[in-house]
PDB file of N, CA and C in Angstrom:
ATOM      1  N   UNK A   1       7.345   6.473 -14.979  1.00  0.00           N
ATOM      2  CA  UNK A   1       7.779   5.513 -13.995  1.00  0.00           C
ATOM      3  C   UNK A   1       6.605   5.025 -13.158  1.00  0.00           C
ATOM      4  N   UNK A   2       5.732   5.934 -12.777  1.00  0.00           N
ATOM      5  CA  UNK A   2       4.585   5.560 -11.937  1.00  0.00           C
ATOM      6  C   UNK A   2       3.712   4.527 -12.646  1.00  0.00           C
ATOM      7  N   UNK A   3       3.552   4.671 -13.947  1.00  0.00           N
ATOM      8  CA  UNK A   3       2.747   3.717 -14.710  1.00  0.00           C
ATOM      9  C   UNK A   3       3.342   2.318 -14.708  1.00  0.00           C
ATOM     10  N   UNK A   4       4.651   2.230 -14.822  1.00  0.00           N
ATOM     11  CA  UNK A   4       5.336   0.932 -14.802  1.00  0.00           C
ATOM     12  C   UNK A   4       5.171   0.282 -13.433  1.00  0.00           C
ATOM     13  N   UNK A   5       5.385   1.043 -12.376  1.00  0.00           N
ATOM     14  CA  UNK A   5       5.210   0.503 -11.028  1.00  0.00           C
ATOM     15  C   UNK A   5       3.776   0.036 -10.802  1.00  0.00           C
ATOM     16  N   UNK A   6       2.829   0.810 -11.281  1.00  0.00           N
ATOM     17  CA  UNK A   6       1.418   0.447 -11.131  1.00  0.00           C
ATOM     18  C   UNK A   6       1.132  -0.884 -11.822  1.00  0.00           C
ATOM     19  N   UNK A   7       1.665  -1.066 -13.017  1.00  0.00           N
ATOM     20  CA  UNK A   7       1.462  -2.336 -13.732  1.00  0.00           C
ATOM     21  C   UNK A   7       2.130  -3.494 -13.000  1.00  0.00           C
ATOM     22  N   UNK A   8       3.311  -3.264 -12.444  1.00  0.00           N
ATOM     23  CA  UNK A   8       3.986  -4.320 -11.677  1.00  0.00           C
ATOM     24  C   UNK A   8       3.190  -4.687 -10.429  1.00  0.00           C
ATOM     25  N   UNK A   9       2.634  -3.696  -9.767  1.00  0.00           N
ATOM     26  CA  UNK A   9       1.830  -3.954  -8.576  1.00  0.00           C
ATOM     27  C   UNK A   9       0.562  -4.732  -8.891  1.00  0.00           C
ATOM     28  N   UNK A  10       0.071  -4.586 -10.108  1.00  0.00           N
ATOM     29  CA  UNK A  10      -1.181  -5.233 -10.501  1.00  0.00           C
ATOM     30  C   UNK A  10      -0.963  -6.451 -11.402  1.00  0.00           C
ATOM     31  N   UNK A  11       0.221  -7.040 -11.368  1.00  0.00           N
ATOM     32  CA  UNK A  11       0.548  -8.198 -12.207  1.00  0.00           C
ATOM     33  C   UNK A  11      -0.251  -9.419 -11.749  1.00  0.00           C
ATOM     34  N   UNK A  12      -1.344  -9.685 -12.436  1.00  0.00           N
ATOM     35  CA  UNK A  12      -2.227 -10.795 -12.061  1.00  0.00           C
ATOM     36  C   UNK A  12      -1.627 -12.155 -12.410  1.00  0.00           C
ATOM     37  N   UNK A  13      -0.589 -12.174 -13.232  1.00  0.00           N
ATOM     38  CA  UNK A  13       0.031 -13.431 -13.642  1.00  0.00           C
ATOM     39  C   UNK A  13       1.068 -13.932 -12.642  1.00  0.00           C
ATOM     40  N   UNK A  14       1.580 -13.030 -11.798  1.00  0.00           N
ATOM     41  CA  UNK A  14       2.659 -13.416 -10.894  1.00  0.00           C
ATOM     42  C   UNK A  14       2.583 -12.580  -9.619  1.00  0.00           C
ATOM     43  N   UNK A  15       2.014 -13.148  -8.566  1.00  0.00           N
ATOM     44  CA  UNK A  15       1.905 -12.399  -7.320  1.00  0.00           C
ATOM     45  C   UNK A  15       3.276 -12.146  -6.686  1.00  0.00           C
ATOM     46  N   UNK A  16       4.289 -12.886  -7.121  1.00  0.00           N
ATOM     47  CA  UNK A  16       5.646 -12.617  -6.651  1.00  0.00           C
ATOM     48  C   UNK A  16       6.114 -11.244  -7.103  1.00  0.00           C
ATOM     49  N   UNK A  17       5.777 -10.882  -8.320  1.00  0.00           N
ATOM     50  CA  UNK A  17       6.125  -9.551  -8.833  1.00  0.00           C
ATOM     51  C   UNK A  17       5.391  -8.497  -8.019  1.00  0.00           C
ATOM     52  N   UNK A  18       4.114  -8.748  -7.767  1.00  0.00           N
ATOM     53  CA  UNK A  18       3.315  -7.829  -6.950  1.00  0.00           C
ATOM     54  C   UNK A  18       3.933  -7.678  -5.566  1.00  0.00           C
ATOM     55  N   UNK A  19       4.250  -8.798  -4.929  1.00  0.00           N
ATOM     56  CA  UNK A  19       4.807  -8.779  -3.569  1.00  0.00           C
ATOM     57  C   UNK A  19       6.145  -8.052  -3.530  1.00  0.00           C
ATOM     58  N   UNK A  20       7.035  -8.374  -4.457  1.00  0.00           N
ATOM     59  CA  UNK A  20       8.365  -7.758  -4.472  1.00  0.00           C
ATOM     60  C   UNK A  20       8.287  -6.251  -4.724  1.00  0.00           C
ATOM     61  N   UNK A  21       7.418  -5.854  -5.638  1.00  0.00           N
ATOM     62  CA  UNK A  21       7.283  -4.431  -5.955  1.00  0.00           C
ATOM     63  C   UNK A  21       6.702  -3.677  -4.763  1.00  0.00           C
ATOM     64  N   UNK A  22       5.653  -4.234  -4.165  1.00  0.00           N
ATOM     65  CA  UNK A  22       5.036  -3.591  -3.002  1.00  0.00           C
ATOM     66  C   UNK A  22       6.022  -3.504  -1.842  1.00  0.00           C
ATOM     67  N   UNK A  23       6.740  -4.587  -1.587  1.00  0.00           N
ATOM     68  CA  UNK A  23       7.712  -4.589  -0.488  1.00  0.00           C
ATOM     69  C   UNK A  23       8.797  -3.538  -0.714  1.00  0.00           C
ATOM     70  N   UNK A  24       9.267  -3.413  -1.943  1.00  0.00           N
ATOM     71  CA  UNK A  24      10.305  -2.422  -2.251  1.00  0.00           C
ATOM     72  C   UNK A  24       9.777  -0.997  -2.067  1.00  0.00           C
ATOM     73  N   UNK A  25       8.552  -0.766  -2.499  1.00  0.00           N
ATOM     74  CA  UNK A  25       7.978   0.573  -2.336  1.00  0.00           C
ATOM     75  C   UNK A  25       7.750   0.911  -0.864  1.00  0.00           C
ATOM     76  N   UNK A  26       7.269  -0.054  -0.104  1.00  0.00           N
ATOM     77  CA  UNK A  26       7.035   0.186   1.320  1.00  0.00           C
ATOM     78  C   UNK A  26       8.351   0.347   2.080  1.00  0.00           C
ATOM     79  N   UNK A  27       9.400  -0.328   1.622  1.00  0.00           N
ATOM     80  CA  UNK A  27      10.704  -0.222   2.272  1.00  0.00           C
ATOM     81  C   UNK A  27      11.292   1.186   2.147  1.00  0.00           C
ATOM     82  N   UNK A  28      10.820   1.935   1.177  1.00  0.00           N
ATOM     83  CA  UNK A  28      11.281   3.321   1.028  1.00  0.00           C
ATOM     84  C   UNK A  28      10.865   4.182   2.218  1.00  0.00           C
ATOM     85  N   UNK A  29       9.797   3.772   2.877  1.00  0.00           N
ATOM     86  CA  UNK A  29       9.252   4.454   4.058  1.00  0.00           C
ATOM     87  C   UNK A  29       8.831   5.892   3.749  1.00  0.00           C
ATOM     88  N   UNK A  30       8.382   6.114   2.533  1.00  0.00           N
ATOM     89  CA  UNK A  30       7.935   7.461   2.202  1.00  0.00           C
ATOM     90  C   UNK A  30       6.483   7.444   1.752  1.00  0.00           C
ATOM     91  N   UNK A  31       5.923   8.620   1.689  1.00  0.00           N
ATOM     92  CA  UNK A  31       4.522   8.779   1.338  1.00  0.00           C
ATOM     93  C   UNK A  31       4.243   8.293  -0.085  1.00  0.00           C
ATOM     94  N   UNK A  32       5.158   8.546  -1.006  1.00  0.00           N
ATOM     95  CA  UNK A  32       4.956   8.159  -2.403  1.00  0.00           C
ATOM     96  C   UNK A  32       4.881   6.643  -2.559  1.00  0.00           C
ATOM     97  N   UNK A  33       5.748   5.912  -1.867  1.00  0.00           N
ATOM     98  CA  UNK A  33       5.722   4.460  -1.957  1.00  0.00           C
ATOM     99  C   UNK A  33       4.439   3.886  -1.386  1.00  0.00           C
ATOM    100  N   UNK A  34       4.042   4.364  -0.208  1.00  0.00           N
ATOM    101  CA  UNK A  34       2.797   3.905   0.412  1.00  0.00           C
ATOM    102  C   UNK A  34       1.605   4.253  -0.460  1.00  0.00           C
ATOM    103  N   UNK A  35       1.600   5.451  -1.004  1.00  0.00           N
ATOM    104  CA  UNK A  35       0.495   5.877  -1.868  1.00  0.00           C
ATOM    105  C   UNK A  35       0.366   4.978  -3.090  1.00  0.00           C
ATOM    106  N   UNK A  36       1.491   4.608  -3.693  1.00  0.00           N
ATOM    107  CA  UNK A  36       1.460   3.749  -4.879  1.00  0.00           C
ATOM    108  C   UNK A  36       0.842   2.387  -4.559  1.00  0.00           C
ATOM    109  N   UNK A  37       1.192   1.833  -3.413  1.00  0.00           N
ATOM    110  CA  UNK A  37       0.644   0.527  -3.031  1.00  0.00           C
ATOM    111  C   UNK A  37      -0.848   0.646  -2.718  1.00  0.00           C
ATOM    112  N   UNK A  38      -1.239   1.689  -2.005  1.00  0.00           N
ATOM    113  CA  UNK A  38      -2.658   1.896  -1.713  1.00  0.00           C
ATOM    114  C   UNK A  38      -3.466   2.122  -2.988  1.00  0.00           C
ATOM    115  N   UNK A  39      -2.905   2.870  -3.928  1.00  0.00           N
ATOM    116  CA  UNK A  39      -3.599   3.132  -5.196  1.00  0.00           C
ATOM    117  C   UNK A  39      -3.813   1.840  -5.968  1.00  0.00           C
ATOM    118  N   UNK A  40      -2.808   0.981  -5.975  1.00  0.00           N
ATOM    119  CA  UNK A  40      -2.952  -0.300  -6.669  1.00  0.00           C
ATOM    120  C   UNK A  40      -3.978  -1.179  -5.962  1.00  0.00           C
ATOM    121  N   UNK A  41      -3.938  -1.205  -4.648  1.00  0.00           N
ATOM    122  CA  UNK A  41      -4.886  -2.014  -3.880  1.00  0.00           C
ATOM    123  C   UNK A  41      -6.313  -1.555  -4.147  1.00  0.00           C
ATOM    124  N   UNK A  42      -6.505  -0.278  -4.321  1.00  0.00           N
ATOM    125  CA  UNK A  42      -7.840   0.283  -4.555  1.00  0.00           C
ATOM    126  C   UNK A  42      -8.453  -0.172  -5.873  1.00  0.00           C
ATOM    127  N   UNK A  43      -7.614  -0.460  -6.866  1.00  0.00           N
ATOM    128  CA  UNK A  43      -8.152  -0.820  -8.187  1.00  0.00           C
ATOM    129  C   UNK A  43      -7.878  -2.273  -8.579  1.00  0.00           C
ATOM    130  N   UNK A  44      -7.253  -3.037  -7.706  1.00  0.00           N
ATOM    131  CA  UNK A  44      -6.919  -4.435  -8.033  1.00  0.00           C
ATOM    132  C   UNK A  44      -8.202  -5.228  -8.254  1.00  0.00           C
ATOM    133  N   UNK A  45      -8.356  -5.767  -9.454  1.00  0.00           N
ATOM    134  CA  UNK A  45      -9.558  -6.536  -9.771  1.00  0.00           C
ATOM    135  C   UNK A  45      -9.337  -8.035  -9.589  1.00  0.00           C
ATOM    136  N   UNK A  46      -8.103  -8.473  -9.661  1.00  0.00           N
ATOM    137  CA  UNK A  46      -7.779  -9.884  -9.444  1.00  0.00           C
ATOM    138  C   UNK A  46      -7.696 -10.131  -7.935  1.00  0.00           C
ATOM    139  N   UNK A  47      -8.429 -11.119  -7.457  1.00  0.00           N
ATOM    140  CA  UNK A  47      -8.484 -11.374  -6.015  1.00  0.00           C
ATOM    141  C   UNK A  47      -7.118 -11.717  -5.425  1.00  0.00           C
ATOM    142  N   UNK A  48      -6.330 -12.522  -6.140  1.00  0.00           N
ATOM    143  CA  UNK A  48      -5.007 -12.887  -5.659  1.00  0.00           C
ATOM    144  C   UNK A  48      -4.095 -11.681  -5.536  1.00  0.00           C
ATOM    145  N   UNK A  49      -4.159 -10.798  -6.510  1.00  0.00           N
ATOM    146  CA  UNK A  49      -3.345  -9.578  -6.485  1.00  0.00           C
ATOM    147  C   UNK A  49      -3.789  -8.669  -5.348  1.00  0.00           C
ATOM    148  N   UNK A  50      -5.098  -8.493  -5.199  1.00  0.00           N
ATOM    149  CA  UNK A  50      -5.622  -7.654  -4.118  1.00  0.00           C
ATOM    150  C   UNK A  50      -5.206  -8.204  -2.757  1.00  0.00           C
ATOM    151  N   UNK A  51      -5.299  -9.523  -2.592  1.00  0.00           N
ATOM    152  CA  UNK A  51      -4.907 -10.156  -1.331  1.00  0.00           C
ATOM    153  C   UNK A  51      -3.417  -9.983  -1.070  1.00  0.00           C
ATOM    154  N   UNK A  52      -2.600 -10.108  -2.121  1.00  0.00           N
ATOM    155  CA  UNK A  52      -1.153  -9.958  -1.955  1.00  0.00           C
ATOM    156  C   UNK A  52      -0.790  -8.532  -1.555  1.00  0.00           C
ATOM    157  N   UNK A  53      -1.437  -7.559  -2.174  1.00  0.00           N
ATOM    158  CA  UNK A  53      -1.179  -6.166  -1.816  1.00  0.00           C
ATOM    159  C   UNK A  53      -1.591  -5.899  -0.369  1.00  0.00           C
ATOM    160  N   UNK A  54      -2.733  -6.428   0.034  1.00  0.00           N
ATOM    161  CA  UNK A  54      -3.181  -6.264   1.413  1.00  0.00           C
ATOM    162  C   UNK A  54      -2.195  -6.913   2.379  1.00  0.00           C
ATOM    163  N   UNK A  55      -1.687  -8.079   2.014  1.00  0.00           N
ATOM    164  CA  UNK A  55      -0.719  -8.773   2.875  1.00  0.00           C
ATOM    165  C   UNK A  55       0.558  -7.961   3.024  1.00  0.00           C
ATOM    166  N   UNK A  56       1.027  -7.374   1.951  1.00  0.00           N
ATOM    167  CA  UNK A  56       2.243  -6.555   2.031  1.00  0.00           C
ATOM    168  C   UNK A  56       2.011  -5.328   2.908  1.00  0.00           C
ATOM    169  N   UNK A  57       0.844  -4.719   2.785  1.00  0.00           N
ATOM    170  CA  UNK A  57       0.532  -3.576   3.643  1.00  0.00           C
ATOM    171  C   UNK A  57       0.448  -4.005   5.105  1.00  0.00           C
ATOM    172  N   UNK A  58      -0.173  -5.144   5.359  1.00  0.00           N
ATOM    173  CA  UNK A  58      -0.321  -5.637   6.732  1.00  0.00           C
ATOM    174  C   UNK A  58       1.015  -6.057   7.335  1.00  0.00           C
ATOM    175  N   UNK A  59       1.956  -6.450   6.492  1.00  0.00           N
ATOM    176  CA  UNK A  59       3.259  -6.932   6.975  1.00  0.00           C
ATOM    177  C   UNK A  59       4.358  -5.881   6.849  1.00  0.00           C
ATOM    178  N   UNK A  60       3.995  -4.641   6.612  1.00  0.00           N
ATOM    179  CA  UNK A  60       4.994  -3.578   6.534  1.00  0.00           C
ATOM    180  C   UNK A  60       5.818  -3.616   7.816  1.00  0.00           C
ATOM    181  N   UNK A  61       7.139  -3.745   7.716  1.00  0.00           N
ATOM    182  CA  UNK A  61       7.972  -3.889   8.909  1.00  0.00           C
ATOM    183  C   UNK A  61       7.910  -2.702   9.868  1.00  0.00           C
ATOM    184  N   UNK A  62       7.397  -1.578   9.421  1.00  0.00           N
ATOM    185  CA  UNK A  62       7.308  -0.417  10.313  1.00  0.00           C
ATOM    186  C   UNK A  62       6.352  -0.674  11.473  1.00  0.00           C
ATOM    187  N   UNK A  63       5.407  -1.613  11.293  1.00  0.00           N
ATOM    188  CA  UNK A  63       4.486  -1.934  12.382  1.00  0.00           C
ATOM    189  C   UNK A  63       5.235  -2.540  13.562  1.00  0.00           C
ATOM    190  N   UNK A  64       6.416  -3.100  13.325  1.00  0.00           N
ATOM    191  CA  UNK A  64       7.163  -3.802  14.372  1.00  0.00           C
ATOM    192  C   UNK A  64       7.846  -2.860  15.364  1.00  0.00           C
ATOM    193  N   UNK A  65       7.966  -1.598  15.014  1.00  0.00           N
ATOM    194  CA  UNK A  65       8.634  -0.663  15.923  1.00  0.00           C
ATOM    195  C   UNK A  65       7.701   0.492  16.246  1.00  0.00           C
ATOM    196  N   UNK A  66       7.829   1.008  17.433  1.00  0.00           N
ATOM    197  CA  UNK A  66       6.992   2.137  17.843  1.00  0.00           C
ATOM    198  C   UNK A  66       7.150   3.342  16.952  1.00  0.00           C
ATOM    199  N   UNK A  67       8.398   3.712  16.680  1.00  0.00           N
ATOM    200  CA  UNK A  67       8.655   4.881  15.844  1.00  0.00           C
ATOM    201  C   UNK A  67       8.171   4.655  14.417  1.00  0.00           C
ATOM    202  N   UNK A  68       8.471   3.479  13.870  1.00  0.00           N
ATOM    203  CA  UNK A  68       8.038   3.184  12.504  1.00  0.00           C
ATOM    204  C   UNK A  68       6.532   3.117  12.384  1.00  0.00           C
ATOM    205  N   UNK A  69       5.888   2.540  13.396  1.00  0.00           N
ATOM    206  CA  UNK A  69       4.429   2.467  13.390  1.00  0.00           C
ATOM    207  C   UNK A  69       3.799   3.839  13.429  1.00  0.00           C
ATOM    208  N   UNK A  70       4.367   4.729  14.229  1.00  0.00           N
ATOM    209  CA  UNK A  70       3.860   6.100  14.312  1.00  0.00           C
ATOM    210  C   UNK A  70       4.029   6.807  12.967  1.00  0.00           C
ATOM    211  N   UNK A  71       5.163   6.558  12.320  1.00  0.00           N
ATOM    212  CA  UNK A  71       5.427   7.151  10.998  1.00  0.00           C
ATOM    213  C   UNK A  71       4.384   6.675   9.995  1.00  0.00           C
ATOM    214  N   UNK A  72       4.112   5.377  10.006  1.00  0.00           N
ATOM    215  CA  UNK A  72       3.140   4.810   9.073  1.00  0.00           C
ATOM    216  C   UNK A  72       1.736   5.353   9.345  1.00  0.00           C
ATOM    217  N   UNK A  73       1.347   5.455  10.604  1.00  0.00           N
ATOM    218  CA  UNK A  73       0.040   6.020  10.941  1.00  0.00           C
ATOM    219  C   UNK A  73      -0.081   7.456  10.455  1.00  0.00           C
ATOM    220  N   UNK A  74       0.972   8.237  10.621  1.00  0.00           N
ATOM    221  CA  UNK A  74       0.964   9.627  10.152  1.00  0.00           C
ATOM    222  C   UNK A  74       0.783   9.675   8.642  1.00  0.00           C
ATOM    223  N   UNK A  75       1.481   8.809   7.935  1.00  0.00           N
ATOM    224  CA  UNK A  75       1.352   8.787   6.475  1.00  0.00           C
ATOM    225  C   UNK A  75      -0.061   8.363   6.063  1.00  0.00           C
ATOM    226  N   UNK A  76      -0.615   7.365   6.729  1.00  0.00           N
ATOM    227  CA  UNK A  76      -1.986   6.938   6.415  1.00  0.00           C
ATOM    228  C   UNK A  76      -2.973   8.070   6.667  1.00  0.00           C
ATOM    229  N   UNK A  77      -2.804   8.778   7.761  1.00  0.00           N
ATOM    230  CA  UNK A  77      -3.694   9.913   8.057  1.00  0.00           C
ATOM    231  C   UNK A  77      -3.580  10.975   6.966  1.00  0.00           C
ATOM    232  N   UNK A  78      -2.377  11.241   6.515  1.00  0.00           N
ATOM    233  CA  UNK A  78      -2.165  12.211   5.437  1.00  0.00           C
ATOM    234  C   UNK A  78      -2.885  11.760   4.169  1.00  0.00           C
ATOM    235  N   UNK A  79      -2.804  10.474   3.867  1.00  0.00           N
ATOM    236  CA  UNK A  79      -3.398   9.957   2.637  1.00  0.00           C
ATOM    237  C   UNK A  79      -4.921   9.866   2.692  1.00  0.00           C
ATOM    238  N   UNK A  80      -5.524  10.033   3.865  1.00  0.00           N
ATOM    239  CA  UNK A  80      -6.991  10.083   3.924  1.00  0.00           C
ATOM    240  C   UNK A  80      -7.525  11.363   3.291  1.00  0.00           C
ATOM    241  N   UNK A  81      -6.628  12.291   2.959  1.00  0.00           N
ATOM    242  CA  UNK A  81      -7.016  13.530   2.280  1.00  0.00           C
ATOM    243  C   UNK A  81      -6.482  13.577   0.855  1.00  0.00           C
ATOM    244  N   UNK A  82      -6.044  12.454   0.321  1.00  0.00           N
ATOM    245  CA  UNK A  82      -5.472  12.403  -1.026  1.00  0.00           C
ATOM    246  C   UNK A  82      -6.520  12.788  -2.071  1.00  0.00           C
ATOM    247  N   UNK A  83      -6.048  13.227  -3.221  1.00  0.00           N
ATOM    248  CA  UNK A  83      -6.962  13.602  -4.303  1.00  0.00           C
ATOM    249  C   UNK A  83      -7.601  12.381  -4.967  1.00  0.00           C
ATOM    250  N   UNK A  84      -6.972  11.222  -4.857  1.00  0.00           N
ATOM    251  CA  UNK A  84      -7.497   9.991  -5.441  1.00  0.00           C
ATOM    252  C   UNK A  84      -8.443   9.333  -4.435  1.00  0.00           C
ATOM    253  N   UNK A  85      -9.723   9.174  -4.797  1.00  0.00           N
ATOM    254  CA  UNK A  85     -10.672   8.591  -3.845  1.00  0.00           C
ATOM    255  C   UNK A  85     -10.311   7.161  -3.445  1.00  0.00           C
ATOM    256  N   UNK A  86      -9.699   6.409  -4.333  1.00  0.00           N
ATOM    257  CA  UNK A  86      -9.289   5.050  -4.000  1.00  0.00           C
ATOM    258  C   UNK A  86      -8.212   5.040  -2.929  1.00  0.00           C
ATOM    259  N   UNK A  87      -7.254   5.933  -3.049  1.00  0.00           N
ATOM    260  CA  UNK A  87      -6.187   6.046  -2.049  1.00  0.00           C
ATOM    261  C   UNK A  87      -6.795   6.485  -0.717  1.00  0.00           C
ATOM    262  N   UNK A  88      -7.688   7.481  -0.765  1.00  0.00           N
ATOM    263  CA  UNK A  88      -8.352   7.948   0.464  1.00  0.00           C
ATOM    264  C   UNK A  88      -9.072   6.808   1.160  1.00  0.00           C
ATOM    265  N   UNK A  89      -9.835   6.037   0.380  1.00  0.00           N
ATOM    266  CA  UNK A  89     -10.619   4.937   0.953  1.00  0.00           C
ATOM    267  C   UNK A  89      -9.726   3.858   1.555  1.00  0.00           C
ATOM    268  N   UNK A  90      -8.654   3.491   0.846  1.00  0.00           N
ATOM    269  CA  UNK A  90      -7.739   2.462   1.353  1.00  0.00           C
ATOM    270  C   UNK A  90      -7.036   2.928   2.627  1.00  0.00           C
ATOM    271  N   UNK A  91      -6.606   4.174   2.650  1.00  0.00           N
ATOM    272  CA  UNK A  91      -5.951   4.715   3.844  1.00  0.00           C
ATOM    273  C   UNK A  91      -6.937   4.738   5.010  1.00  0.00           C
ATOM    274  N   UNK A  92      -8.154   5.152   4.761  1.00  0.00           N
ATOM    275  CA  UNK A  92      -9.176   5.185   5.814  1.00  0.00           C
ATOM    276  C   UNK A  92      -9.496   3.783   6.321  1.00  0.00           C
ATOM    277  N   UNK A  93      -9.580   2.836   5.402  1.00  0.00           N
ATOM    278  CA  UNK A  93      -9.853   1.454   5.781  1.00  0.00           C
ATOM    279  C   UNK A  93      -8.748   0.917   6.685  1.00  0.00           C
ATOM    280  N   UNK A  94      -7.512   1.148   6.319  1.00  0.00           N
ATOM    281  CA  UNK A  94      -6.374   0.682   7.130  1.00  0.00           C
ATOM    282  C   UNK A  94      -6.403   1.318   8.517  1.00  0.00           C
ATOM    283  N   UNK A  95      -6.714   2.603   8.571  1.00  0.00           N
ATOM    284  CA  UNK A  95      -6.770   3.277   9.872  1.00  0.00           C
ATOM    285  C   UNK A  95      -7.937   2.758  10.720  1.00  0.00           C
ATOM    286  N   UNK A  96      -9.072   2.510  10.089  1.00  0.00           N
ATOM    287  CA  UNK A  96     -10.234   2.034  10.856  1.00  0.00           C
ATOM    288  C   UNK A  96      -9.991   0.653  11.454  1.00  0.00           C
ATOM    289  N   UNK A  97      -9.200  -0.150  10.809  1.00  0.00           N
ATOM    290  CA  UNK A  97      -8.867  -1.481  11.341  1.00  0.00           C
ATOM    291  C   UNK A  97      -7.976  -1.406  12.573  1.00  0.00           C
ATOM    292  N   UNK A  98      -7.325  -0.270  12.747  1.00  0.00           N
ATOM    293  CA  UNK A  98      -6.417  -0.092  13.873  1.00  0.00           C
ATOM    294  C   UNK A  98      -7.106   0.475  15.105  1.00  0.00           C
ATOM    295  N   UNK A  99      -8.294   0.986  14.934  1.00  0.00           N
ATOM    296  CA  UNK A  99      -9.010   1.616  16.052  1.00  0.00           C
ATOM    297  C   UNK A  99      -9.783   0.608  16.837  1.00  0.00           C
TER     298      UNK A  99
END
């Protein structure tokens, strides 16, 4: 399943697929969904796909609420210790933009 989601997130032919998949994963509000989007963003070679993934991360609705924002920050902090260096780097980058 993870492989299919990864391919959908990196669909260079249709950024709508990328956006919808990322939005659905982020809507889960769990570490696995956020990790999948960060992992895809870390390896996205198509500029449009990379930009779309970044936009979905930046527009995560959890930023709109205090509690949701705190939850997202906690998850990002957790992912700065992930085993995947790409996920670690993306999580660190997102956190550094907030400081």
